[in-house]
Protein backbone atom coordinates (compact mmCIF):
# COMPACT_ATOMS: atom_id res chain seq x y z
CA MET A 1 93.97 103.87 28.54
CA GLU A 2 97.59 102.85 28.41
CA VAL A 3 98.33 99.44 29.89
CA LYS A 4 101.81 99.03 31.33
CA THR A 5 103.31 95.55 31.29
CA ILE A 6 105.72 94.37 33.93
CA PRO A 7 108.89 93.04 32.29
CA ASP A 8 109.95 89.50 32.97
CA PRO A 9 112.77 89.24 35.51
CA LEU A 10 116.31 88.86 34.28
CA TRP A 11 117.43 85.23 34.53
CA ILE A 12 120.99 84.82 35.86
CA THR A 13 122.74 81.44 35.75
CA PRO A 14 126.03 81.64 37.67
CA ALA A 15 128.69 79.02 36.97
CA THR A 16 130.98 79.75 39.94
CA ALA A 17 130.83 81.05 43.49
CA ASP A 18 132.41 84.29 42.31
CA ASP A 19 129.61 84.68 39.75
CA VAL A 20 127.03 84.42 42.52
CA ALA A 21 128.76 87.03 44.67
CA ALA A 22 129.17 89.39 41.71
CA ALA A 23 125.50 89.10 40.77
CA LEU A 24 124.41 89.94 44.31
CA ARG A 25 126.78 92.91 44.49
CA ARG A 26 125.53 94.33 41.19
CA ALA A 27 121.92 93.97 42.29
CA ALA A 28 122.57 95.63 45.65
CA GLU A 29 124.42 98.53 44.06
CA ALA A 30 121.57 99.06 41.58
CA ARG A 31 118.95 98.70 44.34
CA GLN A 32 117.44 95.75 42.49
CA THR A 33 115.96 92.60 44.00
CA ILE A 34 116.92 88.98 43.38
CA ALA A 35 114.99 85.73 43.94
CA ILE A 36 117.20 82.69 44.52
CA ARG A 37 115.97 79.52 42.83
CA GLY A 38 117.01 75.88 42.67
CA ALA A 39 114.71 73.24 41.20
CA GLY A 40 111.60 75.24 42.12
CA SER A 41 110.13 72.41 44.21
CA LYS A 42 109.22 74.92 46.94
CA ALA A 43 108.69 77.99 44.75
CA ASP A 44 105.16 78.41 46.11
CA TRP A 45 106.20 78.14 49.77
CA GLY A 46 106.28 81.16 52.05
CA ARG A 47 104.81 84.52 51.22
CA ASP A 48 104.30 85.34 47.56
CA GLY A 49 106.53 88.35 48.11
CA ALA A 50 107.33 91.23 45.84
CA ARG A 51 108.19 90.62 42.19
CA ALA A 52 111.97 90.32 41.86
CA ASP A 53 114.00 92.14 39.23
CA ALA A 54 116.14 89.05 38.63
CA VAL A 55 116.16 85.31 39.30
CA LEU A 56 119.42 83.68 40.40
CA ASP A 57 119.22 80.12 39.04
CA MET A 58 121.66 77.99 41.04
CA ARG A 59 121.26 74.73 39.14
CA SER A 60 124.60 74.98 37.29
CA LEU A 61 126.34 74.85 40.66
CA ASN A 62 125.57 71.15 41.10
CA HIS A 63 128.82 69.38 41.95
CA ILE A 64 130.11 67.45 44.93
CA VAL A 65 133.11 69.53 45.99
CA ALA A 66 134.56 67.04 48.46
CA HIS A 67 133.53 63.69 49.91
CA GLU A 68 135.60 62.88 52.98
CA HIS A 69 134.29 59.33 53.23
CA GLY A 70 136.67 58.47 56.05
CA ASP A 71 135.28 61.34 58.13
CA MET A 72 131.76 60.75 56.73
CA THR A 73 131.20 64.30 55.50
CA VAL A 74 130.34 65.77 52.11
CA THR A 75 130.60 69.28 50.70
CA VAL A 76 128.08 69.99 47.94
CA GLU A 77 127.19 72.95 45.76
CA ALA A 78 123.76 74.42 46.39
CA GLY A 79 122.25 73.52 43.03
CA ALA A 80 122.90 69.78 43.31
CA SER A 81 119.83 67.65 43.85
CA LEU A 82 119.61 65.51 46.98
CA ALA A 83 118.82 62.46 44.83
CA ASP A 84 121.97 62.91 42.71
CA VAL A 85 124.12 63.46 45.77
CA ASN A 86 122.89 60.29 47.44
CA ARG A 87 123.40 58.27 44.26
CA ALA A 88 127.04 59.37 44.25
CA LEU A 89 127.54 58.74 47.98
CA ALA A 90 126.10 55.22 47.67
CA ALA A 91 129.38 54.07 46.06
CA HIS A 92 130.87 54.31 49.55
CA ARG A 93 127.74 52.96 51.28
CA GLN A 94 126.98 56.40 52.74
CA TRP A 95 124.07 58.81 52.42
CA LEU A 96 122.78 62.20 53.48
CA PRO A 97 119.76 61.08 55.52
CA LEU A 98 117.23 63.74 54.55
CA ASP A 99 113.84 63.04 52.98
CA PRO A 100 111.92 66.31 52.56
CA PRO A 101 108.88 66.61 50.29
CA PHE A 102 109.82 66.40 46.60
CA ALA A 103 113.13 64.77 47.56
CA ASP A 104 113.52 63.40 44.04
CA ARG A 105 114.26 66.88 42.68
CA ALA A 106 114.82 69.23 45.65
CA THR A 107 118.26 70.88 45.71
CA ILE A 108 120.68 71.06 48.60
CA GLY A 109 120.43 74.87 48.79
CA GLY A 110 116.63 74.83 48.82
CA ILE A 111 116.47 72.10 51.45
CA LEU A 112 118.83 74.00 53.76
CA ALA A 113 117.23 77.39 53.08
CA THR A 114 113.81 76.04 54.10
CA ASN A 115 115.22 73.67 56.76
CA ASP A 116 112.81 71.12 55.36
CA SER A 117 112.71 67.52 56.55
CA GLY A 118 110.60 64.38 56.46
CA PRO A 119 110.14 61.15 58.44
CA LEU A 120 113.90 60.61 58.86
CA ARG A 121 113.92 63.62 61.17
CA HIS A 122 113.02 61.18 63.95
CA ARG A 123 116.54 59.73 63.92
CA TYR A 124 118.72 62.19 62.03
CA GLY A 125 117.17 65.60 62.67
CA THR A 126 116.69 68.47 60.23
CA PRO A 127 119.19 69.99 57.76
CA ARG A 128 120.11 72.46 60.51
CA ASP A 129 121.22 69.50 62.67
CA LEU A 130 123.35 67.92 59.94
CA VAL A 131 125.07 70.95 58.40
CA ILE A 132 128.58 71.60 59.73
CA GLY A 133 129.85 74.22 57.29
CA VAL A 134 128.70 76.63 54.60
CA GLN A 135 130.02 79.02 52.00
CA LEU A 136 127.74 82.02 51.46
CA ALA A 137 127.64 84.87 48.98
CA THR A 138 126.47 88.16 50.47
CA THR A 139 125.06 91.28 48.87
CA ASP A 140 128.35 93.19 49.31
CA GLY A 141 129.95 90.75 46.86
CA ALA A 142 131.86 88.78 49.47
CA LEU A 143 132.20 85.03 49.88
CA ALA A 144 132.09 83.97 53.52
CA LYS A 145 132.88 80.57 55.01
CA ALA A 146 131.93 79.14 58.37
CA GLY A 147 132.50 75.74 59.93
CA GLY A 148 134.56 73.18 58.06
CA ARG A 149 134.66 69.81 56.33
CA VAL A 150 135.09 67.65 59.43
CA VAL A 151 132.77 67.34 62.39
CA LYS A 152 135.41 68.49 64.93
CA ASN A 153 136.02 71.74 63.07
CA VAL A 154 134.02 74.47 64.80
CA ALA A 155 135.84 77.51 63.46
CA GLY A 156 133.89 80.71 62.89
CA TYR A 157 130.28 81.65 63.53
CA ASP A 158 127.70 78.92 62.95
CA LEU A 159 126.28 80.58 59.84
CA GLY A 160 124.91 77.27 58.58
CA LYS A 161 122.35 77.25 61.34
CA VAL A 162 121.61 80.96 60.83
CA VAL A 163 120.69 80.57 57.17
CA ALA A 164 118.80 77.29 57.71
CA GLY A 165 115.13 78.22 57.45
CA SER A 166 115.83 81.80 56.29
CA PHE A 167 114.28 81.19 52.84
CA GLY A 168 117.23 82.86 51.17
CA ALA A 169 116.58 86.22 52.81
CA LEU A 170 120.08 86.64 54.29
CA ALA A 171 122.60 85.29 51.79
CA ALA A 172 122.91 82.89 48.88
CA ILE A 173 124.09 79.43 49.89
CA VAL A 174 126.92 78.44 47.55
CA THR A 175 128.11 75.21 49.18
CA ALA A 176 127.18 73.28 52.30
CA THR A 177 128.97 70.56 54.24
CA PHE A 178 126.97 67.85 56.00
CA LYS A 179 127.51 64.93 58.32
CA LEU A 180 126.71 61.60 56.65
CA ALA A 181 125.46 58.24 57.85
CA PRO A 182 126.18 54.68 56.67
CA ILE A 183 123.54 53.14 54.44
CA PRO A 184 121.73 50.49 56.51
CA ALA A 185 122.15 46.90 55.40
CA ALA A 186 118.48 46.05 55.94
CA SER A 187 115.17 47.84 56.41
CA LYS A 188 111.62 46.92 57.41
CA THR A 189 108.56 48.97 58.35
CA ILE A 190 105.71 48.15 60.70
CA ARG A 191 102.35 49.61 59.72
CA ALA A 192 99.72 49.61 62.45
CA ASP A 193 96.11 50.69 61.89
CA VAL A 194 94.53 52.28 64.96
CA ALA A 195 90.84 53.00 65.43
CA ASP A 196 90.67 55.92 67.87
CA ALA A 197 92.69 58.79 69.33
CA ALA A 198 93.08 57.22 72.77
CA SER A 199 94.52 54.02 71.31
CA LEU A 200 96.79 56.10 69.09
CA ALA A 201 98.23 57.96 72.06
CA SER A 202 98.70 54.71 73.98
CA ALA A 203 100.46 53.06 71.05
CA ILE A 204 102.85 55.97 70.61
CA GLY A 205 103.55 56.04 74.34
CA ALA A 206 104.27 52.32 74.36
CA VAL A 207 106.86 52.66 71.60
CA MET A 208 108.44 55.72 73.23
CA SER A 209 108.86 53.95 76.55
CA SER A 210 110.26 50.77 74.98
CA THR A 211 113.79 49.92 73.86
CA LEU A 212 112.80 50.18 70.18
CA GLU A 213 115.03 52.41 68.03
CA PRO A 214 113.26 53.25 64.75
CA ILE A 215 114.77 55.63 62.20
CA ALA A 216 111.27 56.91 61.36
CA PHE A 217 108.08 56.94 63.42
CA GLU A 218 105.12 58.52 61.66
CA VAL A 219 101.55 59.19 62.68
CA VAL A 220 98.85 59.47 60.03
CA SER A 221 95.34 60.80 60.57
CA ARG A 222 92.80 59.88 57.88
CA PRO A 223 89.51 61.58 58.81
CA ASP A 224 87.78 60.36 55.65
CA ALA A 225 88.63 56.71 56.31
CA ALA A 226 85.72 54.36 55.69
CA GLY A 227 85.00 50.67 55.80
CA PRO A 228 87.91 48.51 56.95
CA VAL A 229 90.38 51.44 56.82
CA ALA A 230 91.15 52.72 60.32
CA ARG A 231 91.15 56.45 60.98
CA PHE A 232 94.74 56.45 62.22
CA ALA A 233 97.92 54.66 61.22
CA LEU A 234 101.47 54.42 62.52
CA LEU A 235 104.50 53.77 60.31
CA VAL A 236 107.55 52.60 62.23
CA ARG A 237 110.72 51.96 60.22
CA PHE A 238 113.76 50.05 61.41
CA ALA A 239 117.05 50.05 59.48
CA SER A 240 120.29 48.43 60.60
CA VAL A 241 121.92 45.03 60.17
CA ALA A 242 119.43 42.31 59.27
CA ALA A 243 119.43 40.55 62.65
CA ALA A 244 118.76 43.79 64.54
CA VAL A 245 115.96 44.76 62.13
CA ASP A 246 114.27 41.37 62.54
CA ALA A 247 114.47 41.60 66.33
CA GLN A 248 113.15 45.17 66.39
CA THR A 249 110.21 44.46 64.06
CA LYS A 250 109.24 41.43 66.13
CA GLN A 251 109.30 43.53 69.31
CA ALA A 252 107.39 46.38 67.64
CA THR A 253 104.65 44.00 66.48
CA ALA A 254 104.18 42.78 70.05
CA THR A 255 104.29 46.32 71.45
CA LEU A 256 101.70 47.76 69.05
CA GLY A 257 99.44 44.71 68.93
CA PRO A 258 97.25 45.57 71.95
CA TYR A 259 96.34 48.99 70.51
CA ALA A 260 95.92 48.24 66.80
CA ARG A 261 93.27 46.72 64.58
CA ARG A 262 95.96 45.34 62.33
CA VAL A 263 99.75 45.20 62.34
CA GLU A 264 101.74 44.23 59.26
CA THR A 265 105.40 44.15 58.31
CA LEU A 266 106.52 45.73 55.04
CA GLU A 267 109.80 45.15 53.27
CA GLY A 268 111.30 45.43 49.80
CA ASP A 269 109.06 46.95 47.14
CA ALA A 270 106.06 47.05 49.48
CA GLU A 271 108.01 49.10 52.01
CA ARG A 272 109.36 51.52 49.41
CA SER A 273 105.88 51.96 47.93
CA ALA A 274 104.37 52.65 51.36
CA TRP A 275 106.87 55.43 52.08
CA ARG A 276 106.44 56.98 48.62
CA GLU A 277 102.68 57.07 49.12
CA HIS A 278 103.14 58.56 52.57
CA ALA A 279 105.42 61.30 51.22
CA ASP A 280 102.97 62.24 48.45
CA ALA A 281 99.63 61.76 50.20
CA LEU A 282 98.97 65.28 51.49
CA TRP A 283 100.61 67.12 48.60
CA THR A 284 98.51 65.51 45.89
CA GLY A 285 95.23 66.82 47.30
CA ASP A 286 93.71 70.26 47.03
CA GLY A 287 93.84 72.87 49.76
CA ALA A 288 96.41 74.61 51.91
CA ILE A 289 99.29 72.73 53.52
CA VAL A 290 100.41 73.98 56.92
CA ARG A 291 103.36 72.96 59.07
CA ALA A 292 102.39 72.58 62.71
CA SER A 293 104.11 71.63 65.95
CA TRP A 294 102.82 70.14 69.21
CA LEU A 295 103.92 68.34 72.34
CA PRO A 296 104.12 64.60 71.52
CA ALA A 297 102.23 63.75 74.71
CA ASN A 298 99.25 65.75 73.41
CA ILE A 299 98.76 63.73 70.22
CA ALA A 300 95.24 62.57 71.13
CA ARG A 301 94.12 66.17 71.69
CA VAL A 302 95.94 67.29 68.54
CA VAL A 303 94.08 64.91 66.22
CA GLU A 304 90.79 65.82 67.88
CA GLU A 305 91.58 69.52 67.40
CA LEU A 306 92.34 68.94 63.72
CA GLY A 307 89.03 67.18 63.25
CA ALA A 308 88.41 66.61 59.54
CA TYR A 309 91.86 67.67 58.37
CA PRO A 310 94.40 65.00 57.33
CA LEU A 311 97.71 64.91 59.21
CA ALA A 312 101.09 63.32 58.51
CA GLY A 313 103.70 63.94 61.17
CA ARG A 314 106.62 62.84 63.29
CA ALA A 315 105.05 60.96 66.20
CA THR A 316 107.76 61.57 68.79
CA VAL A 317 109.06 64.91 67.49
CA GLY A 318 105.71 66.68 67.53
CA ALA A 319 105.81 68.25 64.07
CA GLY A 320 104.08 67.55 60.80
CA LEU A 321 101.92 68.64 57.89
CA VAL A 322 98.19 69.26 57.83
CA ARG A 323 96.03 69.72 54.73
CA LEU A 324 93.19 72.22 55.07
CA THR A 325 90.24 71.80 52.74
CA GLY A 326 87.22 73.92 51.82
CA THR A 327 86.93 77.37 50.30
CA ASP A 328 89.67 79.97 50.63
CA ASP A 329 87.64 81.64 53.35
CA GLU A 330 87.29 78.36 55.26
CA GLN A 331 91.00 77.61 54.92
CA ALA A 332 92.01 81.08 56.14
CA ARG A 333 89.69 80.79 59.14
CA ALA A 334 91.04 77.31 59.86
CA VAL A 335 94.61 78.69 60.00
CA GLU A 336 93.49 81.36 62.47
CA ARG A 337 91.67 78.76 64.57
CA LEU A 338 94.67 76.43 64.69
CA ARG A 339 96.96 79.31 65.71
CA GLY A 340 94.61 79.97 68.60
CA SER A 341 94.71 76.34 69.74
CA ARG A 342 96.09 75.47 73.15
CA VAL A 343 97.55 72.17 71.95
CA LEU A 344 99.32 73.38 68.80
CA GLY A 345 102.47 75.47 68.71
CA ASN A 346 103.75 77.17 65.55
CA VAL A 347 101.41 76.98 62.56
CA VAL A 348 103.09 78.08 59.32
CA VAL A 349 101.42 78.08 55.92
CA ALA A 350 103.60 76.24 53.39
CA ARG A 351 101.36 75.94 50.34
CA ALA A 352 98.13 77.90 49.82
CA SER A 353 96.37 80.18 47.39
CA GLU A 354 97.43 83.81 47.26
CA ASP A 355 94.14 84.78 48.91
CA VAL A 356 94.63 82.40 51.85
CA LYS A 357 98.20 83.60 52.38
CA ARG A 358 97.11 87.23 52.28
CA ARG A 359 94.24 86.77 54.71
CA ALA A 360 95.80 84.36 57.20
CA GLY A 361 99.45 85.32 56.86
CA VAL A 362 102.14 82.73 56.28
CA TRP A 363 104.34 82.87 59.36
CA GLY A 364 102.10 84.00 62.17
CA SER A 365 103.54 86.07 65.00
CA HIS A 366 107.28 85.97 65.71
CA GLY A 367 106.74 87.51 69.11
CA ASP A 368 109.96 88.52 70.85
CA ARG A 369 112.02 87.13 67.95
CA GLN A 370 110.85 89.79 65.50
CA LYS A 371 113.47 92.38 66.49
CA ILE A 372 116.23 89.77 66.26
CA LEU A 373 115.10 88.70 62.79
CA GLU A 374 114.92 92.29 61.59
CA SER A 375 118.42 93.02 62.90
CA LEU A 376 119.77 89.95 61.10
CA LYS A 377 118.20 91.12 57.86
CA ARG A 378 119.73 94.59 58.22
CA ALA A 379 123.15 93.11 58.97
CA PHE A 380 123.22 90.60 56.11
CA ASP A 381 121.14 92.38 53.47
CA PRO A 382 120.88 96.11 54.25
CA THR A 383 119.57 96.96 50.76
CA GLY A 384 116.73 94.41 50.93
CA THR A 385 118.00 92.66 47.81
CA LEU A 386 117.35 89.01 48.57
CA ASN A 387 114.02 87.16 48.16
CA PRO A 388 111.97 90.27 48.90
CA GLY A 389 108.97 89.66 51.12
CA ARG A 390 109.00 85.88 50.82
CA GLY A 391 110.61 84.49 53.95
CA PRO A 392 110.10 84.97 57.68
CA ILE A 393 112.52 87.93 57.71
């Protein structure tokens, strides 16, 4: 019997925006497919998709095009890493306040294409909230711009928000312009250990109804906690001038005290270590990772619904990550159960085995949005060239 091997995809490394547009045009004309890739930190997110004929490696497009430090905006090529960008911006005491998973190597294009965020979403929002302009390459070989390099510039369609979260299914992001923030002069984090779901909900409500202004407010559920470790924890970070940070941490300690087993203040290396551990905790374990949403007021019911599954999420936004454990069959059934929950909203599979993704589906139902998404795909990519089968479109 003859065994046919599938050839490896062609690897394309564009050096300019024109190179990107030309590669997409050639692929569309030849009815070939292209997968867009940055650092690969989210290569296993979304559907596994169809095998692409070519890979468009964007990492050579890794420069800061313009830093308007007076206007506090930056324009960056898609292949630049967030870490490198923030190191460069630090010379002017500014930063792009995003902290998605794998932030040490994730690229600007990948972060925007997945609209991925972390704890800083509490204060600064998602990439979709910070982007004010983009340059895109489309499959007809054109380069399109929307928005501008200053916050007041609102020219053109808001394509930055259209491509945010599209997983590269509409166009290739060549550059993106973002609003920046000043680097805070001081930072401290309150960590509060909480024993039960009712106390957790009360603690979150107390912070929400206070005058506290954290830049991050995280809830952690640790179902396997034992001994002195409480099942739940809250991480509340304050960053501003030193006097304001000291006043806020003092107030937060008093606010959380009645609901917590223990409240401690972290700063310096201890604070940085705590946030690194928090960012890595779910991703270092086995099992599927799902992104879920909920009403913040329902947090007690949410953690009860999740049961034995660990959670790390934005306490007042109502969004976070859940790790599902067990066999592939158990993980797939857990996804279906969570999607049927009355207290959870969207449940999207980020990381999982191929079997779990196939059985449970990655995106769930789009409902009334499905026709809109399909029309966008036809308008931007009529030949079906880009990231075939991977994203929500």
